[in-house]
């Protein structure tokens, strides 16, 4: 494949895209997502962690 020409006219590019059935206008820009949540609102007052596992298992 070899490039033989470059189209630089915005009007010409729009006409070609419309003829091909493609959108000639860029989509709207959406706002950025919010930052990640630092902490979750969870009540851990009744939480007790599991005891540690034994070092050796009886097999």
N, C-alpha and C. Protein backbone atom coordinates (compact mmCIF):
# COMPACT_ATOMS: atom_id res chain seq x y z
N UNK A 1 0.85 -1.17 0.00
CA UNK A 1 0.00 0.00 0.00
C UNK A 1 0.90 1.23 0.00
N UNK A 2 0.50 2.21 -0.78
CA UNK A 2 1.29 3.42 -0.91
C UNK A 2 0.36 4.62 -0.78
N UNK A 3 0.76 5.60 -0.01
CA UNK A 3 -0.03 6.83 0.12
C UNK A 3 0.31 7.71 -1.07
N UNK A 4 -0.74 8.09 -1.81
CA UNK A 4 -0.51 8.91 -3.00
C UNK A 4 -1.03 10.34 -2.83
N UNK A 5 -1.86 10.57 -1.80
CA UNK A 5 -2.39 11.91 -1.59
C UNK A 5 -2.85 12.06 -0.14
N UNK A 6 -2.90 13.28 0.32
CA UNK A 6 -3.41 13.57 1.66
C UNK A 6 -4.47 14.66 1.54
N UNK A 7 -5.58 14.45 2.18
CA UNK A 7 -6.68 15.43 2.15
C UNK A 7 -6.55 16.29 3.39
N UNK A 8 -6.40 17.58 3.20
CA UNK A 8 -6.22 18.50 4.32
C UNK A 8 -7.38 19.48 4.49
N UNK A 9 -8.28 19.51 3.54
CA UNK A 9 -9.40 20.44 3.61
C UNK A 9 -10.49 19.86 4.52
N UNK A 10 -10.86 20.57 5.60
CA UNK A 10 -11.92 20.06 6.48
C UNK A 10 -13.24 19.85 5.75
N UNK A 11 -13.56 20.74 4.80
CA UNK A 11 -14.81 20.58 4.05
C UNK A 11 -14.75 19.32 3.19
N UNK A 12 -13.62 19.07 2.55
CA UNK A 12 -13.48 17.88 1.72
C UNK A 12 -13.54 16.60 2.55
N UNK A 13 -12.93 16.61 3.71
CA UNK A 13 -12.97 15.44 4.59
C UNK A 13 -14.40 15.17 5.04
N UNK A 14 -15.14 16.24 5.40
CA UNK A 14 -16.54 16.09 5.81
C UNK A 14 -17.40 15.51 4.71
N UNK A 15 -17.20 15.97 3.47
CA UNK A 15 -17.98 15.45 2.35
C UNK A 15 -17.69 13.98 2.11
N UNK A 16 -16.44 13.59 2.21
CA UNK A 16 -16.08 12.18 1.98
C UNK A 16 -16.69 11.30 3.07
N UNK A 17 -16.57 11.73 4.33
CA UNK A 17 -17.13 10.93 5.43
C UNK A 17 -18.64 10.80 5.31
N UNK A 18 -19.33 11.90 4.98
CA UNK A 18 -20.79 11.85 4.83
C UNK A 18 -21.18 10.94 3.67
N UNK A 19 -20.42 10.98 2.59
CA UNK A 19 -20.71 10.12 1.43
C UNK A 19 -20.57 8.63 1.81
N UNK A 20 -19.61 8.33 2.71
CA UNK A 20 -19.40 6.95 3.13
C UNK A 20 -20.36 6.53 4.24
N UNK A 21 -21.22 7.45 4.69
CA UNK A 21 -22.18 7.13 5.75
C UNK A 21 -21.56 7.16 7.13
N UNK A 22 -20.43 7.83 7.28
CA UNK A 22 -19.75 7.93 8.57
C UNK A 22 -19.99 9.31 9.18
N UNK A 23 -19.94 9.42 10.50
CA UNK A 23 -20.15 10.73 11.13
C UNK A 23 -18.98 11.66 10.79
N UNK A 24 -19.32 12.89 10.46
CA UNK A 24 -18.28 13.87 10.13
C UNK A 24 -18.02 14.83 11.28
N UNK A 25 -18.71 14.61 12.40
CA UNK A 25 -18.53 15.45 13.59
C UNK A 25 -18.08 14.54 14.73
N UNK A 26 -17.11 15.01 15.49
CA UNK A 26 -16.61 14.21 16.62
C UNK A 26 -17.69 14.08 17.70
N UNK A 27 -17.71 12.98 18.44
CA UNK A 27 -18.70 12.82 19.51
C UNK A 27 -18.44 13.80 20.66
N UNK A 28 -19.47 14.03 21.45
CA UNK A 28 -19.35 14.95 22.59
C UNK A 28 -18.38 14.37 23.62
N UNK A 29 -17.68 15.25 24.29
CA UNK A 29 -16.73 14.83 25.32
C UNK A 29 -17.48 14.68 26.64
N UNK A 30 -17.32 13.53 27.28
CA UNK A 30 -17.96 13.29 28.56
C UNK A 30 -17.08 13.80 29.69
N UNK A 31 -17.68 14.19 30.82
CA UNK A 31 -16.86 14.64 31.94
C UNK A 31 -16.05 13.46 32.51
N UNK A 32 -14.92 13.75 33.13
CA UNK A 32 -14.11 12.66 33.69
C UNK A 32 -14.82 12.00 34.86
N UNK A 33 -14.42 10.77 35.16
CA UNK A 33 -15.03 10.06 36.28
C UNK A 33 -14.52 10.66 37.58
N UNK A 34 -15.26 10.49 38.67
CA UNK A 34 -14.81 11.04 39.95
C UNK A 34 -13.61 10.25 40.47
N UNK A 35 -12.87 10.82 41.42
CA UNK A 35 -11.73 10.09 41.98
C UNK A 35 -12.21 8.88 42.77
N UNK A 36 -11.33 7.89 42.98
CA UNK A 36 -11.75 6.71 43.74
C UNK A 36 -12.11 7.06 45.17
N UNK A 37 -13.00 6.25 45.73
CA UNK A 37 -13.45 6.49 47.09
C UNK A 37 -12.34 6.07 48.06
N UNK A 38 -11.98 6.96 48.99
CA UNK A 38 -10.87 6.70 49.90
C UNK A 38 -11.24 5.64 50.94
N UNK A 39 -12.40 5.77 51.54
CA UNK A 39 -12.81 4.82 52.57
C UNK A 39 -14.27 4.44 52.35
N UNK A 40 -14.61 3.22 52.71
CA UNK A 40 -15.98 2.77 52.60
C UNK A 40 -16.70 3.04 53.92
N UNK A 41 -17.94 3.48 53.88
CA UNK A 41 -18.68 3.76 55.11
C UNK A 41 -19.23 2.47 55.73
N UNK A 42 -18.35 1.68 56.35
CA UNK A 42 -18.73 0.41 56.94
C UNK A 42 -18.51 0.48 58.45
N UNK A 43 -19.47 -0.02 59.22
CA UNK A 43 -19.34 -0.08 60.67
C UNK A 43 -18.62 -1.37 61.03
N UNK A 44 -17.40 -1.27 61.54
CA UNK A 44 -16.60 -2.43 61.88
C UNK A 44 -16.55 -2.66 63.39
N UNK A 45 -17.52 -2.11 64.13
CA UNK A 45 -17.47 -2.23 65.59
C UNK A 45 -17.64 -3.68 66.05
N UNK A 46 -18.39 -4.53 65.35
CA UNK A 46 -18.59 -5.91 65.76
C UNK A 46 -17.68 -6.88 65.04
N UNK A 47 -16.69 -6.37 64.32
CA UNK A 47 -15.82 -7.23 63.51
C UNK A 47 -14.68 -7.78 64.36
N UNK A 48 -14.47 -9.09 64.29
CA UNK A 48 -13.32 -9.72 64.93
C UNK A 48 -12.60 -10.55 63.87
N UNK A 49 -11.30 -10.33 63.69
CA UNK A 49 -10.60 -11.10 62.67
C UNK A 49 -10.45 -12.56 63.07
N UNK A 50 -10.27 -13.42 62.08
CA UNK A 50 -10.05 -14.84 62.33
C UNK A 50 -8.73 -15.03 63.06
N UNK A 51 -8.63 -16.07 63.90
CA UNK A 51 -7.34 -16.31 64.55
C UNK A 51 -6.31 -16.77 63.51
N UNK A 52 -5.05 -16.56 63.80
CA UNK A 52 -4.04 -16.98 62.82
C UNK A 52 -4.02 -18.49 62.66
N UNK A 53 -3.62 -18.96 61.51
CA UNK A 53 -3.54 -20.39 61.24
C UNK A 53 -2.36 -20.99 62.00
N UNK A 54 -2.48 -22.25 62.40
CA UNK A 54 -1.32 -22.87 63.07
C UNK A 54 -0.15 -23.02 62.13
N UNK A 55 1.03 -23.05 62.70
CA UNK A 55 2.25 -23.17 61.87
C UNK A 55 2.35 -24.53 61.22
N UNK A 56 1.87 -25.58 61.92
CA UNK A 56 1.95 -26.93 61.39
C UNK A 56 0.56 -27.55 61.38
N UNK A 57 0.28 -28.28 60.33
CA UNK A 57 -1.01 -28.95 60.23
C UNK A 57 -0.80 -30.43 60.49
N UNK A 58 -1.74 -31.04 61.23
CA UNK A 58 -1.69 -32.50 61.45
C UNK A 58 -2.26 -33.19 60.22
N UNK A 59 -1.49 -34.02 59.61
CA UNK A 59 -1.94 -34.70 58.42
C UNK A 59 -2.14 -36.18 58.65
